[in-house]
Amino acid sequence: MSKGYWVVRANVFDNEEYSKYIKIATKVVNDNNGIFLVRGGQQTEFEGQGFNRTVIVEFENYEKAVDCYNSKEYQLALNYVKQSADRLFTSVEGI
């Protein structure tokens, strides 16, 4: 079965509020056996510009990635995102 991934692009405009999201989301991802492959860091956009932060999380499979996003715990964490960042969030199946 193919792995599942979260691919998140974000512009954070309130670091203090976003850090509250990160604390909760990290626990939820860890509790769901997710592995952070990319979590911010240096990046260079070659084709257009859009977001200043990229996060990629690997899960056992696509269903686990979707279930983690839809979990009650993660949905509560999203309350902090709404007032601290603009994001593009995609869950995708690997090959």
Protein backbone atom coordinates (compact mmCIF):
# COMPACT_ATOMS: atom_id res chain seq x y z
CA MET A 1 0.00 0.00 0.00
CA SER A 2 1.31 3.47 -0.89
CA LYS A 3 2.27 5.95 1.79
CA GLY A 4 0.18 9.04 2.40
CA TYR A 5 1.49 12.58 2.78
CA TRP A 6 0.46 15.97 4.00
CA VAL A 7 1.92 18.75 1.89
CA VAL A 8 1.39 22.14 3.51
CA ARG A 9 2.39 25.55 2.18
CA ALA A 10 1.91 28.46 4.57
CA ASN A 11 2.46 32.14 5.17
CA VAL A 12 2.50 32.67 8.92
CA PHE A 13 1.58 36.16 10.08
CA ASP A 14 1.24 35.54 13.83
CA ASN A 15 4.07 33.34 15.09
CA GLU A 16 2.88 33.31 18.69
CA GLU A 17 -0.59 32.05 17.76
CA TYR A 18 0.79 29.63 15.16
CA SER A 19 3.12 28.12 17.77
CA LYS A 20 0.02 27.00 19.69
CA TYR A 21 -1.13 25.15 16.57
CA ILE A 22 2.33 23.58 16.12
CA LYS A 23 2.34 22.25 19.69
CA ILE A 24 -1.02 20.50 19.30
CA ALA A 25 -0.48 19.38 15.70
CA THR A 26 2.90 17.84 16.54
CA LYS A 27 1.30 15.67 19.21
CA VAL A 28 -1.54 14.63 16.86
CA VAL A 29 0.89 13.73 14.08
CA ASN A 30 3.10 11.75 16.48
CA ASP A 31 0.07 9.96 17.97
CA ASN A 32 -0.88 8.90 14.42
CA ASN A 33 2.63 7.65 13.61
CA GLY A 34 3.27 10.48 11.18
CA ILE A 35 6.85 11.45 10.38
CA PHE A 36 7.87 15.02 9.62
CA LEU A 37 10.05 14.97 6.50
CA VAL A 38 10.12 18.74 5.97
CA ARG A 39 9.22 21.28 8.61
CA GLY A 40 10.00 24.81 7.54
CA GLY A 41 13.65 25.43 6.90
CA GLN A 42 15.39 27.03 3.96
CA GLN A 43 13.57 26.89 0.64
CA THR A 44 13.84 28.43 -2.81
CA GLU A 45 10.81 28.85 -5.06
CA PHE A 46 11.80 28.56 -8.71
CA GLU A 47 8.46 28.79 -10.52
CA GLY A 48 6.37 31.57 -9.04
CA GLN A 49 6.11 32.63 -5.45
CA GLY A 50 3.46 31.97 -2.90
CA PHE A 51 4.34 30.64 0.52
CA ASN A 52 7.27 31.07 2.88
CA ARG A 53 6.89 27.80 4.82
CA THR A 54 6.60 24.19 3.62
CA VAL A 55 5.78 21.13 5.72
CA ILE A 56 5.66 17.53 4.51
CA VAL A 57 4.47 14.71 6.77
CA GLU A 58 4.58 11.02 5.86
CA PHE A 59 1.95 8.52 7.04
CA GLU A 60 1.66 4.76 6.71
CA ASN A 61 -0.93 5.19 3.95
CA TYR A 62 -3.27 7.74 2.37
CA GLU A 63 -6.21 6.76 4.57
CA LYS A 64 -4.18 7.38 7.74
CA ALA A 65 -3.19 10.83 6.43
CA VAL A 66 -6.82 11.75 5.76
CA ASP A 67 -8.03 10.26 9.06
CA CYS A 68 -5.41 12.23 10.99
CA TYR A 69 -6.50 15.48 9.34
CA ASN A 70 -10.15 14.74 10.10
CA SER A 71 -9.48 13.71 13.70
CA LYS A 72 -11.18 15.68 16.45
CA GLU A 73 -7.82 16.60 17.95
CA TYR A 74 -6.41 18.01 14.72
CA GLN A 75 -9.59 19.91 13.94
CA LEU A 76 -9.24 21.63 17.33
CA ALA A 77 -5.65 22.61 16.46
CA LEU A 78 -6.91 24.28 13.28
CA ASN A 79 -8.64 26.93 15.40
CA TYR A 80 -5.19 28.49 15.89
CA VAL A 81 -4.38 28.41 12.17
CA LYS A 82 -7.41 30.47 11.15
CA GLN A 83 -6.10 33.53 12.97
CA SER A 84 -2.36 33.06 12.37
CA ALA A 85 -1.65 31.84 8.82
CA ASP A 86 -2.81 31.49 5.23
CA ARG A 87 -2.27 27.92 4.02
CA LEU A 88 -2.67 25.50 1.19
CA PHE A 89 -3.07 22.00 2.68
CA THR A 90 -3.12 18.87 0.56
CA SER A 91 -3.26 15.21 1.50
CA VAL A 92 -1.80 13.08 -1.28
CA GLU A 93 -1.15 9.41 -1.99
CA GLY A 94 2.45 8.44 -2.74
CA ILE A 95 3.58 6.17 -5.55
